[in-house]
C-alpha cells in the first residue's frame, strides 16, 4: 500500500501503524463474524446509492 497525507505530505510511522492495525481488525472481524460483516459491508455500499 501507498500512504499519503491529506494534502500529499508524508505521514509518520505511527500513522502507518494505526492504519495497519485498522486493516487487521477489519480482516479479523470479517473472518470471525462473516454474517455481520456482510451486513455491515452492504450498509456501507448502500450509502453510495
PDB file of N, CA and C in Angstrom:
ATOM      1  N   UNK A   1       0.831  -1.174   0.000  1.00  0.00           N
ATOM      2  CA  UNK A   1       0.000   0.000   0.000  1.00  0.00           C
ATOM      3  C   UNK A   1       0.872   1.233   0.000  1.00  0.00           C
ATOM      4  N   UNK A   2       0.313   2.297  -0.503  1.00  0.00           N
ATOM      5  CA  UNK A   2       0.978   3.589  -0.511  1.00  0.00           C
ATOM      6  C   UNK A   2       0.162   4.520   0.376  1.00  0.00           C
ATOM      7  N   UNK A   3       0.800   5.108   1.366  1.00  0.00           N
ATOM      8  CA  UNK A   3       0.128   6.021   2.280  1.00  0.00           C
ATOM      9  C   UNK A   3       0.606   7.439   2.011  1.00  0.00           C
ATOM     10  N   UNK A   4      -0.356   8.345   1.852  1.00  0.00           N
ATOM     11  CA  UNK A   4      -0.049   9.751   1.616  1.00  0.00           C
ATOM     12  C   UNK A   4      -0.976  10.578   2.492  1.00  0.00           C
ATOM     13  N   UNK A   5      -0.455  11.651   3.042  1.00  0.00           N
ATOM     14  CA  UNK A   5      -1.268  12.536   3.860  1.00  0.00           C
ATOM     15  C   UNK A   5      -2.336  13.242   3.043  1.00  0.00           C
ATOM     16  N   UNK A   6      -3.248  13.905   3.732  1.00  0.00           N
ATOM     17  CA  UNK A   6      -4.397  14.549   3.095  1.00  0.00           C
ATOM     18  C   UNK A   6      -3.998  15.539   2.004  1.00  0.00           C
ATOM     19  N   UNK A   7      -2.939  16.274   2.212  1.00  0.00           N
ATOM     20  CA  UNK A   7      -2.506  17.262   1.223  1.00  0.00           C
ATOM     21  C   UNK A   7      -1.275  16.803   0.460  1.00  0.00           C
ATOM     22  N   UNK A   8      -1.056  15.482   0.422  1.00  0.00           N
ATOM     23  CA  UNK A   8       0.078  14.933  -0.301  1.00  0.00           C
ATOM     24  C   UNK A   8       1.364  14.895   0.486  1.00  0.00           C
ATOM     25  N   UNK A   9       1.311  15.293   1.757  1.00  0.00           N
ATOM     26  CA  UNK A   9       2.522  15.295   2.584  1.00  0.00           C
ATOM     27  C   UNK A   9       2.842  13.892   3.072  1.00  0.00           C
ATOM     28  N   UNK A  10       4.042  13.712   3.551  1.00  0.00           N
ATOM     29  CA  UNK A  10       4.453  12.437   4.127  1.00  0.00           C
ATOM     30  C   UNK A  10       3.696  12.193   5.423  1.00  0.00           C
ATOM     31  N   UNK A  11       3.549  10.930   5.770  1.00  0.00           N
ATOM     32  CA  UNK A  11       2.970  10.579   7.059  1.00  0.00           C
ATOM     33  C   UNK A  11       4.004   9.796   7.852  1.00  0.00           C
ATOM     34  N   UNK A  12       3.843   9.820   9.176  1.00  0.00           N
ATOM     35  CA  UNK A  12       4.845   9.180  10.026  1.00  0.00           C
ATOM     36  C   UNK A  12       4.533   7.703  10.246  1.00  0.00           C
ATOM     37  N   UNK A  13       5.484   7.011  10.836  1.00  0.00           N
ATOM     38  CA  UNK A  13       5.356   5.574  11.072  1.00  0.00           C
ATOM     39  C   UNK A  13       4.197   5.255  12.017  1.00  0.00           C
ATOM     40  N   UNK A  14       3.896   6.150  12.952  1.00  0.00           N
ATOM     41  CA  UNK A  14       2.785   5.935  13.871  1.00  0.00           C
ATOM     42  C   UNK A  14       1.461   5.870  13.113  1.00  0.00           C
ATOM     43  N   UNK A  15       1.281   6.737  12.143  1.00  0.00           N
ATOM     44  CA  UNK A  15       0.064   6.735  11.330  1.00  0.00           C
ATOM     45  C   UNK A  15      -0.030   5.458  10.505  1.00  0.00           C
ATOM     46  N   UNK A  16       1.073   5.041   9.920  1.00  0.00           N
ATOM     47  CA  UNK A  16       1.095   3.799   9.146  1.00  0.00           C
ATOM     48  C   UNK A  16       0.722   2.624  10.048  1.00  0.00           C
ATOM     49  N   UNK A  17       1.243   2.604  11.267  1.00  0.00           N
ATOM     50  CA  UNK A  17       0.940   1.529  12.211  1.00  0.00           C
ATOM     51  C   UNK A  17      -0.544   1.520  12.579  1.00  0.00           C
ATOM     52  N   UNK A  18      -1.136   2.692  12.770  1.00  0.00           N
ATOM     53  CA  UNK A  18      -2.567   2.758  13.101  1.00  0.00           C
ATOM     54  C   UNK A  18      -3.427   2.256  11.952  1.00  0.00           C
ATOM     55  N   UNK A  19      -3.066   2.607  10.728  1.00  0.00           N
ATOM     56  CA  UNK A  19      -3.808   2.116   9.562  1.00  0.00           C
ATOM     57  C   UNK A  19      -3.660   0.603   9.459  1.00  0.00           C
ATOM     58  N   UNK A  20      -2.460   0.108   9.652  1.00  0.00           N
ATOM     59  CA  UNK A  20      -2.214  -1.333   9.604  1.00  0.00           C
ATOM     60  C   UNK A  20      -3.043  -2.059  10.665  1.00  0.00           C
ATOM     61  N   UNK A  21      -3.109  -1.503  11.869  1.00  0.00           N
ATOM     62  CA  UNK A  21      -3.922  -2.097  12.932  1.00  0.00           C
ATOM     63  C   UNK A  21      -5.398  -2.133  12.539  1.00  0.00           C
ATOM     64  N   UNK A  22      -5.874  -1.060  11.919  1.00  0.00           N
ATOM     65  CA  UNK A  22      -7.273  -0.998  11.498  1.00  0.00           C
ATOM     66  C   UNK A  22      -7.563  -2.047  10.426  1.00  0.00           C
ATOM     67  N   UNK A  23      -6.660  -2.225   9.491  1.00  0.00           N
ATOM     68  CA  UNK A  23      -6.838  -3.235   8.441  1.00  0.00           C
ATOM     69  C   UNK A  23      -6.893  -4.626   9.061  1.00  0.00           C
ATOM     70  N   UNK A  24      -5.994  -4.904   9.992  1.00  0.00           N
ATOM     71  CA  UNK A  24      -6.005  -6.210  10.661  1.00  0.00           C
ATOM     72  C   UNK A  24      -7.301  -6.428  11.439  1.00  0.00           C
ATOM     73  N   UNK A  25      -7.814  -5.385  12.061  1.00  0.00           N
ATOM     74  CA  UNK A  25      -9.064  -5.504  12.823  1.00  0.00           C
ATOM     75  C   UNK A  25     -10.232  -5.838  11.895  1.00  0.00           C
ATOM     76  N   UNK A  26     -10.291  -5.190  10.756  1.00  0.00           N
ATOM     77  CA  UNK A  26     -11.367  -5.481   9.799  1.00  0.00           C
ATOM     78  C   UNK A  26     -11.233  -6.904   9.263  1.00  0.00           C
ATOM     79  N   UNK A  27     -10.024  -7.332   8.962  1.00  0.00           N
ATOM     80  CA  UNK A  27      -9.823  -8.700   8.484  1.00  0.00           C
ATOM     81  C   UNK A  27     -10.260  -9.719   9.528  1.00  0.00           C
ATOM     82  N   UNK A  28      -9.920  -9.476  10.778  1.00  0.00           N
ATOM     83  CA  UNK A  28     -10.313 -10.388  11.851  1.00  0.00           C
ATOM     84  C   UNK A  28     -11.830 -10.410  12.014  1.00  0.00           C
ATOM     85  N   UNK A  29     -12.452  -9.249  11.948  1.00  0.00           N
ATOM     86  CA  UNK A  29     -13.913  -9.156  12.055  1.00  0.00           C
ATOM     87  C   UNK A  29     -14.574  -9.918  10.912  1.00  0.00           C
ATOM     88  N   UNK A  30     -14.041  -9.760   9.704  1.00  0.00           N
ATOM     89  CA  UNK A  30     -14.587 -10.452   8.530  1.00  0.00           C
ATOM     90  C   UNK A  30     -14.497 -11.969   8.717  1.00  0.00           C
ATOM     91  N   UNK A  31     -13.404 -12.441   9.268  1.00  0.00           N
ATOM     92  CA  UNK A  31     -13.223 -13.881   9.476  1.00  0.00           C
ATOM     93  C   UNK A  31     -14.056 -14.409  10.645  1.00  0.00           C
ATOM     94  N   UNK A  32     -14.140 -13.642  11.728  1.00  0.00           N
ATOM     95  CA  UNK A  32     -14.822 -14.094  12.938  1.00  0.00           C
ATOM     96  C   UNK A  32     -16.343 -13.942  12.866  1.00  0.00           C
ATOM     97  N   UNK A  33     -16.808 -12.937  12.145  1.00  0.00           N
ATOM     98  CA  UNK A  33     -18.241 -12.630  12.084  1.00  0.00           C
ATOM     99  C   UNK A  33     -18.677 -12.418  10.635  1.00  0.00           C
ATOM    100  N   UNK A  34     -18.639 -13.462   9.804  1.00  0.00           N
ATOM    101  CA  UNK A  34     -18.909 -13.272   8.377  1.00  0.00           C
ATOM    102  C   UNK A  34     -20.311 -12.731   8.077  1.00  0.00           C
ATOM    103  N   UNK A  35     -21.323 -13.158   8.833  1.00  0.00           N
ATOM    104  CA  UNK A  35     -22.680 -12.663   8.571  1.00  0.00           C
ATOM    105  C   UNK A  35     -22.803 -11.190   8.927  1.00  0.00           C
ATOM    106  N   UNK A  36     -22.291 -10.813  10.096  1.00  0.00           N
ATOM    107  CA  UNK A  36     -22.331  -9.399  10.493  1.00  0.00           C
ATOM    108  C   UNK A  36     -21.516  -8.543   9.538  1.00  0.00           C
ATOM    109  N   UNK A  37     -20.361  -9.050   9.128  1.00  0.00           N
ATOM    110  CA  UNK A  37     -19.531  -8.298   8.193  1.00  0.00           C
ATOM    111  C   UNK A  37     -20.276  -8.072   6.886  1.00  0.00           C
ATOM    112  N   UNK A  38     -20.964  -9.093   6.385  1.00  0.00           N
ATOM    113  CA  UNK A  38     -21.712  -8.951   5.137  1.00  0.00           C
ATOM    114  C   UNK A  38     -22.793  -7.880   5.265  1.00  0.00           C
ATOM    115  N   UNK A  39     -23.476  -7.843   6.407  1.00  0.00           N
ATOM    116  CA  UNK A  39     -24.494  -6.809   6.629  1.00  0.00           C
ATOM    117  C   UNK A  39     -23.868  -5.422   6.697  1.00  0.00           C
ATOM    118  N   UNK A  40     -22.765  -5.308   7.418  1.00  0.00           N
ATOM    119  CA  UNK A  40     -22.054  -4.038   7.550  1.00  0.00           C
ATOM    120  C   UNK A  40     -21.583  -3.547   6.188  1.00  0.00           C
ATOM    121  N   UNK A  41     -20.996  -4.456   5.400  1.00  0.00           N
ATOM    122  CA  UNK A  41     -20.490  -4.108   4.076  1.00  0.00           C
ATOM    123  C   UNK A  41     -21.626  -3.639   3.173  1.00  0.00           C
ATOM    124  N   UNK A  42     -22.743  -4.355   3.186  1.00  0.00           N
ATOM    125  CA  UNK A  42     -23.892  -3.968   2.368  1.00  0.00           C
ATOM    126  C   UNK A  42     -24.399  -2.585   2.756  1.00  0.00           C
ATOM    127  N   UNK A  43     -24.419  -2.302   4.050  1.00  0.00           N
ATOM    128  CA  UNK A  43     -24.871  -0.979   4.512  1.00  0.00           C
ATOM    129  C   UNK A  43     -23.936   0.110   4.009  1.00  0.00           C
ATOM    130  N   UNK A  44     -22.647  -0.134   4.070  1.00  0.00           N
ATOM    131  CA  UNK A  44     -21.677   0.867   3.600  1.00  0.00           C
ATOM    132  C   UNK A  44     -21.831   1.084   2.099  1.00  0.00           C
ATOM    133  N   UNK A  45     -21.983   0.000   1.346  1.00  0.00           N
ATOM    134  CA  UNK A  45     -22.127   0.129  -0.104  1.00  0.00           C
ATOM    135  C   UNK A  45     -23.424   0.863  -0.464  1.00  0.00           C
ATOM    136  N   UNK A  46     -24.468   0.682   0.349  1.00  0.00           N
ATOM    137  CA  UNK A  46     -25.724   1.373   0.089  1.00  0.00           C
ATOM    138  C   UNK A  46     -25.637   2.877   0.336  1.00  0.00           C
ATOM    139  N   UNK A  47     -24.664   3.311   1.115  1.00  0.00           N
ATOM    140  CA  UNK A  47     -24.505   4.745   1.352  1.00  0.00           C
ATOM    141  C   UNK A  47     -24.199   5.489   0.054  1.00  0.00           C
ATOM    142  N   UNK A  48     -23.582   4.806  -0.884  1.00  0.00           N
ATOM    143  CA  UNK A  48     -23.222   5.433  -2.155  1.00  0.00           C
ATOM    144  C   UNK A  48     -24.411   5.573  -3.096  1.00  0.00           C
ATOM    145  N   UNK A  49     -25.488   4.887  -2.782  1.00  0.00           N
ATOM    146  CA  UNK A  49     -26.667   4.929  -3.678  1.00  0.00           C
ATOM    147  C   UNK A  49     -27.646   5.980  -3.285  1.00  0.00           C
TER     148      UNK A  49
END
